[in-house]
Structures are given as C-alpha cells and as structure tokens.
Amino acid sequence: MPKLFIGGLAENIQEMELAIFVSLHGRVDTIKVVRDRATGKCKGYAFLEIPDLADAKNIISMLDGETFKGNVVTIKINPDTPVVTKPFSKNNDSFKKKRPRVSKG
C-alpha cells in the first residue's frame, strides 16, 4: 500500500477537507494530518495511505503543485522505512547471562 507525503498544507486544515480534495483523483484509506501538540494546528504536512499504486500516481500527477486552501501543495510517494535485520551472532549481548543462576535447594 503506497504512502504519500503531502506538504504545504494550511495550519487550519481538517482531515475531511483533505479527504475530499484528494479523493477526487484516487481512493484514500487513511489520512494522518501532523499537528502541533500544544496548539493542535497542522504543521503543514500529512501522510496518506492509498490502496494501490495507480491511484497514488494519479493523485500525484493531478494535485502536485496545485493550490489548496490558498497554499501550493507538494505530493510525493513516501517510501516505507526499510526493515533492517541484524545477522545472528552467538556473541550478541542479548544471549549473555545477566546474572548468575542460584539454585534454591
């Protein structure tokens, strides 16, 4: 499921307004408007989850650089953070004994 970054949003944007704006050009599963914790105002960007790549590309091609609520918005695919796995190692600290076992006998 592609994730989109949308920047250049007005500080008073509401999720429903953004949903209506974007959904004219493709399906949207979730919208997360990033807000300031103290004020509740939008920090100027949001993340969208789009069900398929074709819809994501259509949203980008139709809306990137367009004006929304007085601001020019930027939309791009937000690549997922790659999963980094550590190779198994017998010397890994998580396998070291933290304290000696004491028998209760």
PDB file of N, CA and C in Angstrom:
ATOM      1  N   MET A   1       0.843  -1.173   0.000  1.00  0.00           N
ATOM      2  CA  MET A   1       0.000   0.000   0.000  1.00  0.00           C
ATOM      3  C   MET A   1       0.890   1.238   0.000  1.00  0.00           C
ATOM      4  N   PRO A   2       0.853   2.022  -1.067  1.00  0.00           N
ATOM      5  CA  PRO A   2       1.701   3.221  -1.134  1.00  0.00           C
ATOM      6  C   PRO A   2       1.289   4.267  -0.101  1.00  0.00           C
ATOM      7  N   LYS A   3       2.294   4.963   0.400  1.00  0.00           N
ATOM      8  CA  LYS A   3       2.055   6.069   1.323  1.00  0.00           C
ATOM      9  C   LYS A   3       2.516   7.345   0.644  1.00  0.00           C
ATOM     10  N   LEU A   4       1.708   8.386   0.759  1.00  0.00           N
ATOM     11  CA  LEU A   4       2.046   9.667   0.161  1.00  0.00           C
ATOM     12  C   LEU A   4       2.325  10.688   1.241  1.00  0.00           C
ATOM     13  N   PHE A   5       3.271  11.564   0.954  1.00  0.00           N
ATOM     14  CA  PHE A   5       3.547  12.746   1.772  1.00  0.00           C
ATOM     15  C   PHE A   5       2.912  13.915   1.049  1.00  0.00           C
ATOM     16  N   ILE A   6       2.167  14.739   1.773  1.00  0.00           N
ATOM     17  CA  ILE A   6       1.622  15.957   1.188  1.00  0.00           C
ATOM     18  C   ILE A   6       2.040  17.122   2.071  1.00  0.00           C
ATOM     19  N   GLY A   7       2.758  18.066   1.472  1.00  0.00           N
ATOM     20  CA  GLY A   7       3.271  19.216   2.206  1.00  0.00           C
ATOM     21  C   GLY A   7       2.697  20.513   1.676  1.00  0.00           C
ATOM     22  N   GLY A   8       2.882  21.574   2.455  1.00  0.00           N
ATOM     23  CA  GLY A   8       2.381  22.887   2.071  1.00  0.00           C
ATOM     24  C   GLY A   8       0.949  23.119   2.509  1.00  0.00           C
ATOM     25  N   LEU A   9       0.494  22.372   3.504  1.00  0.00           N
ATOM     26  CA  LEU A   9      -0.888  22.498   3.958  1.00  0.00           C
ATOM     27  C   LEU A   9      -1.064  23.700   4.880  1.00  0.00           C
ATOM     28  N   ALA A  10      -2.259  24.261   4.863  1.00  0.00           N
ATOM     29  CA  ALA A  10      -2.603  25.368   5.758  1.00  0.00           C
ATOM     30  C   ALA A  10      -2.685  24.847   7.189  1.00  0.00           C
ATOM     31  N   GLU A  11      -2.399  25.713   8.157  1.00  0.00           N
ATOM     32  CA  GLU A  11      -2.384  25.276   9.558  1.00  0.00           C
ATOM     33  C   GLU A  11      -3.772  24.944  10.099  1.00  0.00           C
ATOM     34  N   ASN A  12      -4.823  25.394   9.424  1.00  0.00           N
ATOM     35  CA  ASN A  12      -6.181  25.122   9.902  1.00  0.00           C
ATOM     36  C   ASN A  12      -6.881  24.004   9.120  1.00  0.00           C
ATOM     37  N   ILE A  13      -6.122  23.197   8.405  1.00  0.00           N
ATOM     38  CA  ILE A  13      -6.691  22.139   7.571  1.00  0.00           C
ATOM     39  C   ILE A  13      -7.352  21.071   8.444  1.00  0.00           C
ATOM     40  N   GLN A  14      -8.454  20.529   7.948  1.00  0.00           N
ATOM     41  CA  GLN A  14      -9.151  19.428   8.615  1.00  0.00           C
ATOM     42  C   GLN A  14      -9.036  18.176   7.747  1.00  0.00           C
ATOM     43  N   GLU A  15      -9.020  17.016   8.394  1.00  0.00           N
ATOM     44  CA  GLU A  15      -8.865  15.754   7.679  1.00  0.00           C
ATOM     45  C   GLU A  15      -9.937  15.580   6.599  1.00  0.00           C
ATOM     46  N   MET A  16     -11.180  15.949   6.905  1.00  0.00           N
ATOM     47  CA  MET A  16     -12.261  15.763   5.945  1.00  0.00           C
ATOM     48  C   MET A  16     -12.059  16.630   4.703  1.00  0.00           C
ATOM     49  N   GLU A  17     -11.579  17.846   4.877  1.00  0.00           N
ATOM     50  CA  GLU A  17     -11.310  18.718   3.730  1.00  0.00           C
ATOM     51  C   GLU A  17     -10.240  18.108   2.833  1.00  0.00           C
ATOM     52  N   LEU A  18      -9.199  17.578   3.457  1.00  0.00           N
ATOM     53  CA  LEU A  18      -8.114  16.953   2.700  1.00  0.00           C
ATOM     54  C   LEU A  18      -8.615  15.692   1.995  1.00  0.00           C
ATOM     55  N   ALA A  19      -9.452  14.920   2.674  1.00  0.00           N
ATOM     56  CA  ALA A  19     -10.010  13.702   2.079  1.00  0.00           C
ATOM     57  C   ALA A  19     -10.819  14.029   0.829  1.00  0.00           C
ATOM     58  N   ILE A  20     -11.629  15.058   0.897  1.00  0.00           N
ATOM     59  CA  ILE A  20     -12.446  15.448  -0.255  1.00  0.00           C
ATOM     60  C   ILE A  20     -11.560  15.918  -1.408  1.00  0.00           C
ATOM     61  N   PHE A  21     -10.552  16.722  -1.098  1.00  0.00           N
ATOM     62  CA  PHE A  21      -9.627  17.247  -2.108  1.00  0.00           C
ATOM     63  C   PHE A  21      -8.908  16.124  -2.848  1.00  0.00           C
ATOM     64  N   VAL A  22      -8.399  15.159  -2.101  1.00  0.00           N
ATOM     65  CA  VAL A  22      -7.586  14.090  -2.689  1.00  0.00           C
ATOM     66  C   VAL A  22      -8.453  13.017  -3.341  1.00  0.00           C
ATOM     67  N   SER A  23      -9.572  12.668  -2.715  1.00  0.00           N
ATOM     68  CA  SER A  23     -10.361  11.533  -3.200  1.00  0.00           C
ATOM     69  C   SER A  23     -11.033  11.780  -4.547  1.00  0.00           C
ATOM     70  N   LEU A  24     -11.002  12.992  -5.037  1.00  0.00           N
ATOM     71  CA  LEU A  24     -11.500  13.253  -6.389  1.00  0.00           C
ATOM     72  C   LEU A  24     -10.607  12.604  -7.445  1.00  0.00           C
ATOM     73  N   HIS A  25      -9.371  12.251  -7.057  1.00  0.00           N
ATOM     74  CA  HIS A  25      -8.396  11.727  -8.015  1.00  0.00           C
ATOM     75  C   HIS A  25      -7.900  10.323  -7.677  1.00  0.00           C
ATOM     76  N   GLY A  26      -8.393   9.736  -6.599  1.00  0.00           N
ATOM     77  CA  GLY A  26      -7.997   8.387  -6.232  1.00  0.00           C
ATOM     78  C   GLY A  26      -8.540   8.019  -4.865  1.00  0.00           C
ATOM     79  N   ARG A  27      -8.550   6.734  -4.598  1.00  0.00           N
ATOM     80  CA  ARG A  27      -9.048   6.239  -3.311  1.00  0.00           C
ATOM     81  C   ARG A  27      -8.018   6.481  -2.215  1.00  0.00           C
ATOM     82  N   VAL A  28      -8.511   6.792  -1.023  1.00  0.00           N
ATOM     83  CA  VAL A  28      -7.655   7.044   0.135  1.00  0.00           C
ATOM     84  C   VAL A  28      -8.129   6.147   1.271  1.00  0.00           C
ATOM     85  N   ASP A  29      -7.199   5.398   1.881  1.00  0.00           N
ATOM     86  CA  ASP A  29      -7.558   4.558   3.027  1.00  0.00           C
ATOM     87  C   ASP A  29      -7.467   5.329   4.335  1.00  0.00           C
ATOM     88  N   THR A  30      -6.333   5.987   4.570  1.00  0.00           N
ATOM     89  CA  THR A  30      -6.166   6.735   5.823  1.00  0.00           C
ATOM     90  C   THR A  30      -5.478   8.068   5.558  1.00  0.00           C
ATOM     91  N   ILE A  31      -5.772   9.013   6.430  1.00  0.00           N
ATOM     92  CA  ILE A  31      -5.143  10.331   6.388  1.00  0.00           C
ATOM     93  C   ILE A  31      -4.648  10.649   7.786  1.00  0.00           C
ATOM     94  N   LYS A  32      -3.397  11.069   7.885  1.00  0.00           N
ATOM     95  CA  LYS A  32      -2.824  11.491   9.166  1.00  0.00           C
ATOM     96  C   LYS A  32      -2.252  12.892   8.989  1.00  0.00           C
ATOM     97  N   VAL A  33      -3.004  13.892   9.453  1.00  0.00           N
ATOM     98  CA  VAL A  33      -2.511  15.265   9.442  1.00  0.00           C
ATOM     99  C   VAL A  33      -1.627  15.428  10.670  1.00  0.00           C
ATOM    100  N   VAL A  34      -0.395  15.867  10.480  1.00  0.00           N
ATOM    101  CA  VAL A  34       0.544  16.032  11.592  1.00  0.00           C
ATOM    102  C   VAL A  34       0.284  17.392  12.223  1.00  0.00           C
ATOM    103  N   ARG A  35       0.014  17.361  13.535  1.00  0.00           N
ATOM    104  CA  ARG A  35      -0.368  18.573  14.256  1.00  0.00           C
ATOM    105  C   ARG A  35       0.592  18.874  15.403  1.00  0.00           C
ATOM    106  N   ASP A  36       0.682  20.151  15.743  1.00  0.00           N
ATOM    107  CA  ASP A  36       1.443  20.596  16.900  1.00  0.00           C
ATOM    108  C   ASP A  36       0.674  20.165  18.147  1.00  0.00           C
ATOM    109  N   ARG A  37       1.337  19.515  19.076  1.00  0.00           N
ATOM    110  CA  ARG A  37       0.661  19.015  20.275  1.00  0.00           C
ATOM    111  C   ARG A  37       0.101  20.138  21.137  1.00  0.00           C
ATOM    112  N   ALA A  38       0.816  21.236  21.218  1.00  0.00           N
ATOM    113  CA  ALA A  38       0.388  22.337  22.086  1.00  0.00           C
ATOM    114  C   ALA A  38      -0.785  23.113  21.500  1.00  0.00           C
ATOM    115  N   THR A  39      -0.751  23.385  20.205  1.00  0.00           N
ATOM    116  CA  THR A  39      -1.770  24.248  19.595  1.00  0.00           C
ATOM    117  C   THR A  39      -2.841  23.480  18.831  1.00  0.00           C
ATOM    118  N   GLY A  40      -2.542  22.264  18.409  1.00  0.00           N
ATOM    119  CA  GLY A  40      -3.482  21.494  17.601  1.00  0.00           C
ATOM    120  C   GLY A  40      -3.509  21.910  16.140  1.00  0.00           C
ATOM    121  N   LYS A  41      -2.655  22.863  15.773  1.00  0.00           N
ATOM    122  CA  LYS A  41      -2.614  23.334  14.387  1.00  0.00           C
ATOM    123  C   LYS A  41      -1.759  22.398  13.538  1.00  0.00           C
ATOM    124  N   CYS A  42      -2.122  22.299  12.271  1.00  0.00           N
ATOM    125  CA  CYS A  42      -1.370  21.473  11.333  1.00  0.00           C
ATOM    126  C   CYS A  42       0.042  22.027  11.184  1.00  0.00           C
ATOM    127  N   LYS A  43       1.021  21.128  11.181  1.00  0.00           N
ATOM    128  CA  LYS A  43       2.415  21.535  10.987  1.00  0.00           C
ATOM    129  C   LYS A  43       2.746  21.755   9.516  1.00  0.00           C
ATOM    130  N   GLY A  44       1.752  21.611   8.644  1.00  0.00           N
ATOM    131  CA  GLY A  44       1.968  21.879   7.227  1.00  0.00           C
ATOM    132  C   GLY A  44       2.102  20.644   6.364  1.00  0.00           C
ATOM    133  N   TYR A  45       1.961  19.461   6.967  1.00  0.00           N
ATOM    134  CA  TYR A  45       2.072  18.253   6.155  1.00  0.00           C
ATOM    135  C   TYR A  45       1.205  17.129   6.714  1.00  0.00           C
ATOM    136  N   ALA A  46       0.997  16.128   5.871  1.00  0.00           N
ATOM    137  CA  ALA A  46       0.189  14.972   6.243  1.00  0.00           C
ATOM    138  C   ALA A  46       0.693  13.749   5.489  1.00  0.00           C
ATOM    139  N   PHE A  47       0.252  12.585   5.936  1.00  0.00           N
ATOM    140  CA  PHE A  47       0.575  11.323   5.278  1.00  0.00           C
ATOM    141  C   PHE A  47      -0.725  10.633   4.891  1.00  0.00           C
ATOM    142  N   LEU A  48      -0.750  10.079   3.698  1.00  0.00           N
ATOM    143  CA  LEU A  48      -1.931   9.396   3.185  1.00  0.00           C
ATOM    144  C   LEU A  48      -1.564   7.971   2.823  1.00  0.00           C
ATOM    145  N   GLU A  49      -2.438   7.019   3.124  1.00  0.00           N
ATOM    146  CA  GLU A  49      -2.273   5.646   2.658  1.00  0.00           C
ATOM    147  C   GLU A  49      -3.267   5.432   1.525  1.00  0.00           C
ATOM    148  N   ILE A  50      -2.733   5.018   0.390  1.00  0.00           N
ATOM    149  CA  ILE A  50      -3.519   4.829  -0.824  1.00  0.00           C
ATOM    150  C   ILE A  50      -3.553   3.328  -1.125  1.00  0.00           C
ATOM    151  N   PRO A  51      -4.727   2.766  -1.493  1.00  0.00           N
ATOM    152  CA  PRO A  51      -4.806   1.313  -1.662  1.00  0.00           C
ATOM    153  C   PRO A  51      -3.965   0.728  -2.791  1.00  0.00           C
ATOM    154  N   ASP A  52      -3.709   1.498  -3.850  1.00  0.00           N
ATOM    155  CA  ASP A  52      -2.874   0.929  -4.915  1.00  0.00           C
ATOM    156  C   ASP A  52      -2.025   2.006  -5.586  1.00  0.00           C
ATOM    157  N   LEU A  53      -0.991   1.549  -6.255  1.00  0.00           N
ATOM    158  CA  LEU A  53      -0.007   2.439  -6.864  1.00  0.00           C
ATOM    159  C   LEU A  53      -0.607   3.296  -7.973  1.00  0.00           C
ATOM    160  N   ALA A  54      -1.550   2.761  -8.737  1.00  0.00           N
ATOM    161  CA  ALA A  54      -2.165   3.535  -9.821  1.00  0.00           C
ATOM    162  C   ALA A  54      -2.890   4.758  -9.270  1.00  0.00           C
ATOM    163  N   ASP A  55      -3.636   4.590  -8.179  1.00  0.00           N
ATOM    164  CA  ASP A  55      -4.311   5.732  -7.554  1.00  0.00           C
ATOM    165  C   ASP A  55      -3.295   6.730  -7.013  1.00  0.00           C
ATOM    166  N   ALA A  56      -2.222   6.223  -6.399  1.00  0.00           N
ATOM    167  CA  ALA A  56      -1.190   7.113  -5.849  1.00  0.00           C
ATOM    168  C   ALA A  56      -0.567   7.960  -6.959  1.00  0.00           C
ATOM    169  N   LYS A  57      -0.239   7.326  -8.075  1.00  0.00           N
ATOM    170  CA  LYS A  57       0.366   8.060  -9.191  1.00  0.00           C
ATOM    171  C   LYS A  57      -0.601   9.084  -9.771  1.00  0.00           C
ATOM    172  N   ASN A  58      -1.880   8.742  -9.839  1.00  0.00           N
ATOM    173  CA  ASN A  58      -2.877   9.673 -10.359  1.00  0.00           C
ATOM    174  C   ASN A  58      -3.032  10.878  -9.429  1.00  0.00           C
ATOM    175  N   ILE A  59      -3.057  10.639  -8.136  1.00  0.00           N
ATOM    176  CA  ILE A  59      -3.154  11.733  -7.161  1.00  0.00           C
ATOM    177  C   ILE A  59      -1.963  12.671  -7.309  1.00  0.00           C
ATOM    178  N   ILE A  60      -0.772  12.102  -7.424  1.00  0.00           N
ATOM    179  CA  ILE A  60       0.434  12.927  -7.572  1.00  0.00           C
ATOM    180  C   ILE A  60       0.369  13.738  -8.864  1.00  0.00           C
ATOM    181  N   SER A  61       0.044  13.083  -9.970  1.00  0.00           N
ATOM    182  CA  SER A  61       0.057  13.790 -11.258  1.00  0.00           C
ATOM    183  C   SER A  61      -1.005  14.887 -11.331  1.00  0.00           C
ATOM    184  N   MET A  62      -2.129  14.693 -10.661  1.00  0.00           N
ATOM    185  CA  MET A  62      -3.214  15.671 -10.735  1.00  0.00           C
ATOM    186  C   MET A  62      -3.085  16.797  -9.706  1.00  0.00           C
ATOM    187  N   LEU A  63      -2.467  16.534  -8.556  1.00  0.00           N
ATOM    188  CA  LEU A  63      -2.516  17.506  -7.464  1.00  0.00           C
ATOM    189  C   LEU A  63      -1.177  18.113  -7.064  1.00  0.00           C
ATOM    190  N   ASP A  64      -0.057  17.492  -7.423  1.00  0.00           N
ATOM    191  CA  ASP A  64       1.247  18.054  -7.049  1.00  0.00           C
ATOM    192  C   ASP A  64       1.419  19.423  -7.704  1.00  0.00           C
ATOM    193  N   GLY A  65       1.662  20.442  -6.890  1.00  0.00           N
ATOM    194  CA  GLY A  65       1.834  21.799  -7.399  1.00  0.00           C
ATOM    195  C   GLY A  65       0.543  22.597  -7.490  1.00  0.00           C
ATOM    196  N   GLU A  66      -0.578  21.974  -7.149  1.00  0.00           N
ATOM    197  CA  GLU A  66      -1.868  22.668  -7.186  1.00  0.00           C
ATOM    198  C   GLU A  66      -2.069  23.488  -5.907  1.00  0.00           C
ATOM    199  N   THR A  67      -2.999  24.431  -5.960  1.00  0.00           N
ATOM    200  CA  THR A  67      -3.317  25.266  -4.806  1.00  0.00           C
ATOM    201  C   THR A  67      -4.496  24.668  -4.055  1.00  0.00           C
ATOM    202  N   PHE A  68      -4.329  24.547  -2.738  1.00  0.00           N
ATOM    203  CA  PHE A  68      -5.385  24.021  -1.874  1.00  0.00           C
ATOM    204  C   PHE A  68      -5.493  24.909  -0.648  1.00  0.00           C
ATOM    205  N   LYS A  69      -6.644  25.529  -0.469  1.00  0.00           N
ATOM    206  CA  LYS A  69      -6.891  26.448   0.647  1.00  0.00           C
ATOM    207  C   LYS A  69      -5.839  27.553   0.710  1.00  0.00           C
ATOM    208  N   GLY A  70      -5.443  28.053  -0.459  1.00  0.00           N
ATOM    209  CA  GLY A  70      -4.512  29.174  -0.542  1.00  0.00           C
ATOM    210  C   GLY A  70      -3.040  28.810  -0.539  1.00  0.00           C
ATOM    211  N   ASN A  71      -2.713  27.529  -0.423  1.00  0.00           N
ATOM    212  CA  ASN A  71      -1.313  27.091  -0.392  1.00  0.00           C
ATOM    213  C   ASN A  71      -1.027  26.144  -1.551  1.00  0.00           C
ATOM    214  N   VAL A  72       0.177  26.235  -2.102  1.00  0.00           N
ATOM    215  CA  VAL A  72       0.612  25.286  -3.130  1.00  0.00           C
ATOM    216  C   VAL A  72       1.097  24.029  -2.415  1.00  0.00           C
ATOM    217  N   VAL A  73       0.526  22.885  -2.778  1.00  0.00           N
ATOM    218  CA  VAL A  73       0.879  21.637  -2.104  1.00  0.00           C
ATOM    219  C   VAL A  73       1.875  20.828  -2.923  1.00  0.00           C
ATOM    220  N   THR A  74       2.682  20.075  -2.213  1.00  0.00           N
ATOM    221  CA  THR A  74       3.647  19.151  -2.797  1.00  0.00           C
ATOM    222  C   THR A  74       3.226  17.748  -2.387  1.00  0.00           C
ATOM    223  N   ILE A  75       3.153  16.846  -3.346  1.00  0.00           N
ATOM    224  CA  ILE A  75       2.771  15.466  -3.047  1.00  0.00           C
ATOM    225  C   ILE A  75       3.798  14.539  -3.671  1.00  0.00           C
ATOM    226  N   LYS A  76       4.281  13.599  -2.864  1.00  0.00           N
ATOM    227  CA  LYS A  76       5.230  12.610  -3.379  1.00  0.00           C
ATOM    228  C   LYS A  76       5.059  11.297  -2.639  1.00  0.00           C
ATOM    229  N   ILE A  77       5.542  10.235  -3.239  1.00  0.00           N
ATOM    230  CA  ILE A  77       5.490   8.925  -2.590  1.00  0.00           C
ATOM    231  C   ILE A  77       6.490   8.921  -1.449  1.00  0.00           C
ATOM    232  N   ASN A  78       6.020   8.488  -0.289  1.00  0.00           N
ATOM    233  CA  ASN A  78       6.860   8.387   0.893  1.00  0.00           C
ATOM    234  C   ASN A  78       7.304   6.930   1.007  1.00  0.00           C
ATOM    235  N   PRO A  79       8.554   6.627   0.673  1.00  0.00           N
ATOM    236  CA  PRO A  79       8.985   5.228   0.712  1.00  0.00           C
ATOM    237  C   PRO A  79       8.943   4.678   2.134  1.00  0.00           C
ATOM    238  N   ASP A  80       8.509   3.434   2.244  1.00  0.00           N
ATOM    239  CA  ASP A  80       8.497   2.799   3.562  1.00  0.00           C
ATOM    240  C   ASP A  80       9.917   2.701   4.093  1.00  0.00           C
ATOM    241  N   THR A  81      10.048   2.814   5.393  1.00  0.00           N
ATOM    242  CA  THR A  81      11.352   2.651   6.015  1.00  0.00           C
ATOM    243  C   THR A  81      11.778   1.201   5.841  1.00  0.00           C
ATOM    244  N   PRO A  82      12.943   0.971   5.273  1.00  0.00           N
ATOM    245  CA  PRO A  82      13.363  -0.413   5.071  1.00  0.00           C
ATOM    246  C   PRO A  82      13.582  -1.126   6.402  1.00  0.00           C
ATOM    247  N   VAL A  83      13.252  -2.389   6.413  1.00  0.00           N
ATOM    248  CA  VAL A  83      13.457  -3.190   7.614  1.00  0.00           C
ATOM    249  C   VAL A  83      14.913  -3.618   7.651  1.00  0.00           C
ATOM    250  N   VAL A  84      15.582  -3.292   8.734  1.00  0.00           N
ATOM    251  CA  VAL A  84      16.983  -3.659   8.893  1.00  0.00           C
ATOM    252  C   VAL A  84      17.043  -4.804   9.885  1.00  0.00           C
ATOM    253  N   THR A  85      17.620  -5.902   9.449  1.00  0.00           N
ATOM    254  CA  THR A  85      17.742  -7.041  10.349  1.00  0.00           C
ATOM    255  C   THR A  85      19.207  -7.271  10.658  1.00  0.00           C
ATOM    256  N   LYS A  86      19.465  -7.620  11.898  1.00  0.00           N
ATOM    257  CA  LYS A  86      20.834  -7.931  12.299  1.00  0.00           C
ATOM    258  C   LYS A  86      21.090  -9.406  12.030  1.00  0.00           C
ATOM    259  N   PRO A  87      22.251  -9.726  11.532  1.00  0.00           N
ATOM    260  CA  PRO A  87      22.559 -11.143  11.359  1.00  0.00           C
ATOM    261  C   PRO A  87      22.706 -11.816  12.721  1.00  0.00           C
ATOM    262  N   PHE A  88      22.381 -13.095  12.769  1.00  0.00           N
ATOM    263  CA  PHE A  88      22.513 -13.838  14.016  1.00  0.00           C
ATOM    264  C   PHE A  88      23.980 -13.926  14.417  1.00  0.00           C
ATOM    265  N   SER A  89      24.220 -13.726  15.682  1.00  0.00           N
ATOM    266  CA  SER A  89      25.580 -13.831  16.197  1.00  0.00           C
ATOM    267  C   SER A  89      25.541 -14.462  17.576  1.00  0.00           C
ATOM    268  N   LYS A  90      26.391 -15.467  17.793  1.00  0.00           N
ATOM    269  CA  LYS A  90      26.447 -16.090  19.112  1.00  0.00           C
ATOM    270  C   LYS A  90      26.980 -15.116  20.151  1.00  0.00           C
ATOM    271  N   ASN A  91      27.690 -14.097  19.705  1.00  0.00           N
ATOM    272  CA  ASN A  91      28.262 -13.134  20.635  1.00  0.00           C
ATOM    273  C   ASN A  91      27.325 -11.958  20.905  1.00  0.00           C
ATOM    274  N   ASN A  92      26.104 -12.050  20.441  1.00  0.00           N
ATOM    275  CA  ASN A  92      25.126 -10.993  20.649  1.00  0.00           C
ATOM    276  C   ASN A  92      24.894 -10.814  22.148  1.00  0.00           C
ATOM    277  N   ASP A  93      24.876  -9.579  22.618  1.00  0.00           N
ATOM    278  CA  ASP A  93      24.716  -9.284  24.040  1.00  0.00           C
ATOM    279  C   ASP A  93      23.422  -9.830  24.626  1.00  0.00           C
ATOM    280  N   SER A  94      22.405  -9.987  23.832  1.00  0.00           N
ATOM    281  CA  SER A  94      21.129 -10.458  24.366  1.00  0.00           C
ATOM    282  C   SER A  94      21.207 -11.910  24.819  1.00  0.00           C
ATOM    283  N   PHE A  95      22.270 -12.641  24.416  1.00  0.00           N
ATOM    284  CA  PHE A  95      22.420 -14.023  24.829  1.00  0.00           C
ATOM    285  C   PHE A  95      23.320 -14.178  26.056  1.00  0.00           C
ATOM    286  N   LYS A  96      23.918 -13.086  26.495  1.00  0.00           N
ATOM    287  CA  LYS A  96      24.771 -13.164  27.676  1.00  0.00           C
ATOM    288  C   LYS A  96      23.913 -13.247  28.921  1.00  0.00           C
ATOM    289  N   LYS A  97      24.414 -13.970  29.905  1.00  0.00           N
ATOM    290  CA  LYS A  97      23.694 -14.064  31.167  1.00  0.00           C
ATOM    291  C   LYS A  97      23.794 -12.730  31.887  1.00  0.00           C
ATOM    292  N   LYS A  98      22.668 -12.283  32.374  1.00  0.00           N
ATOM    293  CA  LYS A  98      22.635 -11.007  33.078  1.00  0.00           C
ATOM    294  C   LYS A  98      23.071 -11.170  34.531  1.00  0.00           C
ATOM    295  N   ARG A  99      22.699 -12.304  35.125  1.00  0.00           N
ATOM    296  CA  ARG A  99      23.116 -12.588  36.499  1.00  0.00           C
ATOM    297  C   ARG A  99      23.205 -14.105  36.651  1.00  0.00           C
ATOM    298  N   PRO A 100      24.034 -14.540  37.533  1.00  0.00           N
ATOM    299  CA  PRO A 100      24.184 -15.993  37.691  1.00  0.00           C
ATOM    300  C   PRO A 100      22.925 -16.602  38.304  1.00  0.00           C
ATOM    301  N   ARG A 101      22.660 -17.827  37.906  1.00  0.00           N
ATOM    302  CA  ARG A 101      21.524 -18.547  38.478  1.00  0.00           C
ATOM    303  C   ARG A 101      21.920 -19.085  39.844  1.00  0.00           C
ATOM    304  N   VAL A 102      20.992 -18.993  40.745  1.00  0.00           N
ATOM    305  CA  VAL A 102      21.225 -19.506  42.094  1.00  0.00           C
ATOM    306  C   VAL A 102      20.207 -20.599  42.339  1.00  0.00           C
ATOM    307  N   SER A 103      20.711 -21.774  42.729  1.00  0.00           N
ATOM    308  CA  SER A 103      19.781 -22.873  42.970  1.00  0.00           C
ATOM    309  C   SER A 103      19.116 -22.701  44.323  1.00  0.00           C
ATOM    310  N   LYS A 104      17.833 -23.028  44.358  1.00  0.00           N
ATOM    311  CA  LYS A 104      17.078 -22.931  45.611  1.00  0.00           C
ATOM    312  C   LYS A 104      16.985 -24.333  46.193  1.00  0.00           C
ATOM    313  N   GLY A 105      17.920 -24.720  46.897  1.00  0.00           N
ATOM    314  CA  GLY A 105      17.877 -26.092  47.329  1.00  0.00           C
ATOM    315  C   GLY A 105      18.304 -26.318  48.661  1.00  0.00           C
TER     316      GLY A 105
END
